[in-house]
Amino acid sequence: MDVPKLLETASLLVPEEIATENDITINEVWDYLTHDEWEVALGLLEELGDIHPLPPNFWETLATAAEQMRLEKSAAWCHWRCYETRNGIIRADLALRPASESRRQTPFSGTGVLRPMWNIGNRTPTGEPTLNIAALWVEFTPFLGPGERSSVRLAPLDPSQWRHLQPGQTIAMHEDRTVAGTAVVLEIHAPTPTPTT
């Protein structure tokens, strides 16, 4: 399927009544599509999808369109949002330890590439702490380095292991045996219900 058709397909899944903070609606998306402004239309659809829960196929379709336009970051974000739609959203405020206190000496990409381990309070049958893996998406900045702080989104490898988390809870990030940073859970949202047809 070509890019305009993909964007058109995704736009049909957006309710007409929703609008962004700047009062952008699906009508503006259609206007950009008729003028072959595909990248702008994609960006607006991403914004609209962040305002109102939309089904996984909305995000999958946008990811495919972004890949065809060679917009790697947009494609990665749409894949990430598709995961969150299916598995729920975990947002946290992460503070990394300074380089003098941790293994990490350089910034890492914030686009979901890093998959650190997390101490979220789970234990082995013998009572030892166990670590759980979750990919990390840094919000509002392309890189995060030692000693820096940012809000992040987490995509657990096994979401069922994370269901006990509550807003306000502190969890620890590990890249080895030492603590690389600590995060306070800000929000947790259940998966988006899939509409029945």
Protein backbone atom coordinates (compact mmCIF):
# COMPACT_ATOMS: atom_id res chain seq x y z
CA MET A 1 0.00 0.00 0.00
CA ASP A 2 1.35 3.47 -0.81
CA VAL A 3 1.87 6.25 1.75
CA PRO A 4 -1.28 8.30 0.99
CA LYS A 5 -3.48 5.20 1.29
CA LEU A 6 -1.81 4.20 4.57
CA LEU A 7 -2.33 7.66 6.04
CA GLU A 8 -5.92 7.73 4.79
CA THR A 9 -6.57 4.32 6.36
CA ALA A 10 -5.15 5.49 9.70
CA SER A 11 -7.11 8.74 9.59
CA LEU A 12 -10.39 6.83 9.25
CA LEU A 13 -9.75 5.38 12.73
CA VAL A 14 -9.62 8.82 14.39
CA PRO A 15 -12.92 10.09 15.82
CA GLU A 16 -13.95 13.41 14.27
CA GLU A 17 -14.64 15.05 17.64
CA ILE A 18 -11.10 14.85 19.07
CA ALA A 19 -8.67 17.76 18.79
CA THR A 20 -5.14 18.59 19.88
CA GLU A 21 -4.25 21.45 22.27
CA ASN A 22 -4.00 23.68 19.18
CA ASP A 23 -7.48 22.61 18.00
CA ILE A 24 -6.07 20.44 15.20
CA THR A 25 -8.67 17.89 14.09
CA ILE A 26 -8.86 15.13 11.52
CA ASN A 27 -10.11 17.76 9.03
CA GLU A 28 -6.64 19.36 8.98
CA VAL A 29 -5.10 15.95 8.36
CA TRP A 30 -7.39 15.46 5.36
CA ASP A 31 -6.42 18.90 4.07
CA TYR A 32 -2.71 18.04 4.25
CA LEU A 33 -3.35 14.70 2.56
CA THR A 34 -5.12 16.36 -0.37
CA HIS A 35 -2.07 18.61 -0.83
CA ASP A 36 0.39 15.66 -0.61
CA GLU A 37 1.88 16.96 2.64
CA TRP A 38 2.38 13.42 3.94
CA GLU A 39 4.97 14.11 6.62
CA VAL A 40 2.83 16.85 8.17
CA ALA A 41 -0.24 14.59 8.03
CA LEU A 42 1.74 11.81 9.74
CA GLY A 43 2.85 14.17 12.52
CA LEU A 44 -0.71 15.36 13.11
CA LEU A 45 -2.02 11.80 13.21
CA GLU A 46 0.64 10.94 15.83
CA GLU A 47 -0.54 13.93 17.91
CA LEU A 48 -4.19 12.93 17.60
CA GLY A 49 -3.30 9.36 18.57
CA ASP A 50 -1.68 10.63 21.77
CA ILE A 51 -4.88 12.49 22.74
CA HIS A 52 -7.37 9.66 22.35
CA PRO A 53 -6.69 5.90 22.69
CA LEU A 54 -6.69 4.32 19.25
CA PRO A 55 -6.38 0.64 18.22
CA PRO A 56 -3.03 -1.04 17.51
CA ASN A 57 -3.71 -1.13 13.75
CA PHE A 58 -3.76 2.71 13.76
CA TRP A 59 -0.18 2.75 15.06
CA GLU A 60 0.91 -0.18 12.85
CA THR A 61 -0.40 1.65 9.79
CA LEU A 62 1.39 4.87 10.77
CA ALA A 63 4.61 2.92 11.40
CA THR A 64 4.43 1.41 7.92
CA ALA A 65 3.83 4.85 6.37
CA ALA A 66 6.76 6.33 8.32
CA GLU A 67 9.01 3.46 7.23
CA GLN A 68 8.05 4.02 3.59
CA MET A 69 8.88 7.73 4.00
CA ARG A 70 12.18 6.75 5.68
CA LEU A 71 11.27 8.62 8.87
CA GLU A 72 13.05 6.30 11.29
CA LYS A 73 12.22 8.14 14.53
CA SER A 74 8.53 8.42 13.64
CA ALA A 75 8.44 4.74 12.70
CA ALA A 76 10.10 3.79 16.01
CA TRP A 77 7.63 5.98 17.95
CA CYS A 78 4.62 4.44 16.17
CA HIS A 79 5.89 0.91 16.88
CA TRP A 80 6.40 1.95 20.53
CA ARG A 81 2.85 3.32 20.77
CA CYS A 82 1.49 0.13 19.20
CA TYR A 83 3.26 -1.85 21.96
CA GLU A 84 1.78 0.47 24.62
CA THR A 85 -1.70 0.12 23.14
CA ARG A 86 -1.45 -3.65 23.52
CA ASN A 87 0.41 -3.79 26.86
CA GLY A 88 -0.25 -0.54 28.71
CA ILE A 89 1.75 2.59 29.46
CA ILE A 90 4.32 3.04 32.21
CA ARG A 91 5.79 6.53 32.60
CA ALA A 92 8.45 7.42 35.15
CA ASP A 93 10.83 10.22 36.14
CA LEU A 94 14.34 8.76 35.69
CA ALA A 95 17.47 10.22 37.27
CA LEU A 96 20.73 8.65 36.06
CA ARG A 97 23.70 8.46 38.40
CA PRO A 98 26.73 10.61 37.51
CA ALA A 99 29.53 9.07 35.43
CA SER A 100 31.76 8.98 38.52
CA GLU A 101 29.27 6.63 40.25
CA SER A 102 28.17 4.33 37.44
CA ARG A 103 29.29 2.19 34.54
CA ARG A 104 27.68 4.51 31.97
CA GLN A 105 30.08 7.19 30.73
CA THR A 106 28.24 8.40 27.63
CA PRO A 107 24.67 9.39 26.70
CA PHE A 108 22.35 6.81 25.14
CA SER A 109 19.71 7.21 22.44
CA GLY A 110 16.27 7.88 23.84
CA THR A 111 14.36 6.11 21.07
CA GLY A 112 13.73 2.76 22.73
CA VAL A 113 17.09 1.18 21.86
CA LEU A 114 18.33 0.67 25.45
CA ARG A 115 16.83 -2.33 27.27
CA PRO A 116 18.13 -2.15 30.83
CA MET A 117 17.20 -4.32 33.79
CA TRP A 118 14.98 -2.95 36.54
CA ASN A 119 14.55 -3.78 40.22
CA ILE A 120 10.80 -3.37 40.58
CA GLY A 121 10.48 -5.30 43.83
CA ASN A 122 10.07 -8.83 42.44
CA ARG A 123 11.79 -11.70 44.26
CA THR A 124 12.98 -15.21 43.41
CA PRO A 125 11.38 -18.16 45.25
CA THR A 126 14.30 -18.00 47.72
CA GLY A 127 13.69 -14.31 48.44
CA GLU A 128 16.51 -12.83 46.39
CA PRO A 129 15.78 -9.71 44.32
CA THR A 130 15.16 -10.45 40.66
CA LEU A 131 15.58 -7.98 37.82
CA ASN A 132 13.10 -7.44 35.00
CA ILE A 133 13.92 -6.12 31.53
CA ALA A 134 12.15 -3.14 29.96
CA ALA A 135 13.05 -1.00 26.98
CA LEU A 136 13.34 2.70 27.65
CA TRP A 137 11.97 5.64 25.64
CA VAL A 138 13.17 9.06 26.80
CA GLU A 139 10.57 11.81 26.41
CA PHE A 140 11.38 15.28 25.08
CA THR A 141 15.10 14.74 24.42
CA PRO A 142 16.96 12.56 21.87
CA PHE A 143 19.71 11.46 24.32
CA LEU A 144 20.11 11.01 28.06
CA GLY A 145 23.51 10.96 29.72
CA PRO A 146 25.08 10.33 33.13
CA GLY A 147 23.77 12.64 35.85
CA GLU A 148 20.79 13.72 33.74
CA ARG A 149 17.08 13.40 34.45
CA SER A 150 14.03 13.00 32.21
CA SER A 151 10.57 11.53 32.05
CA VAL A 152 10.66 8.14 30.34
CA ARG A 153 8.33 5.43 29.09
CA LEU A 154 9.01 1.76 29.79
CA ALA A 155 8.13 -1.24 27.64
CA PRO A 156 8.54 -4.39 29.76
CA LEU A 157 9.68 -7.63 28.16
CA ASP A 158 7.07 -9.41 30.34
CA PRO A 159 4.31 -6.90 31.22
CA SER A 160 2.68 -9.35 33.66
CA GLN A 161 5.70 -8.96 35.99
CA TRP A 162 5.06 -5.20 36.24
CA ARG A 163 1.35 -5.16 37.13
CA HIS A 164 1.98 -4.46 40.82
CA LEU A 165 3.62 -1.05 40.17
CA GLN A 166 1.88 2.04 41.51
CA PRO A 167 2.41 5.77 40.87
CA GLY A 168 4.91 7.15 43.38
CA GLN A 169 6.85 3.87 43.65
CA THR A 170 10.64 4.08 43.20
CA ILE A 171 12.36 1.52 40.96
CA ALA A 172 16.05 1.07 40.14
CA MET A 173 17.64 0.81 36.69
CA HIS A 174 20.62 -1.52 36.19
CA GLU A 175 23.00 -1.95 33.28
CA ASP A 176 25.16 -4.28 35.40
CA ARG A 177 25.11 -5.24 39.11
CA THR A 178 25.25 -1.61 40.19
CA VAL A 179 22.36 0.85 40.15
CA ALA A 180 22.57 3.07 37.06
CA GLY A 181 19.66 5.28 38.05
CA THR A 182 16.41 5.50 39.96
CA ALA A 183 12.96 6.26 38.64
CA VAL A 184 9.74 7.31 40.32
CA VAL A 185 6.66 5.89 38.60
CA LEU A 186 4.47 8.76 37.37
CA GLU A 187 1.62 7.03 35.55
CA ILE A 188 0.35 3.58 34.71
CA HIS A 189 -2.38 2.96 32.15
CA ALA A 190 -3.94 -0.37 31.27
CA PRO A 191 -3.89 -1.59 27.67
CA THR A 192 -6.37 0.03 25.29
CA PRO A 193 -9.43 -2.21 24.95
CA THR A 194 -9.72 -3.67 21.47
CA PRO A 195 -13.10 -2.88 19.90
CA THR A 196 -15.20 -5.90 19.03
CA THR A 197 -16.73 -6.08 15.58
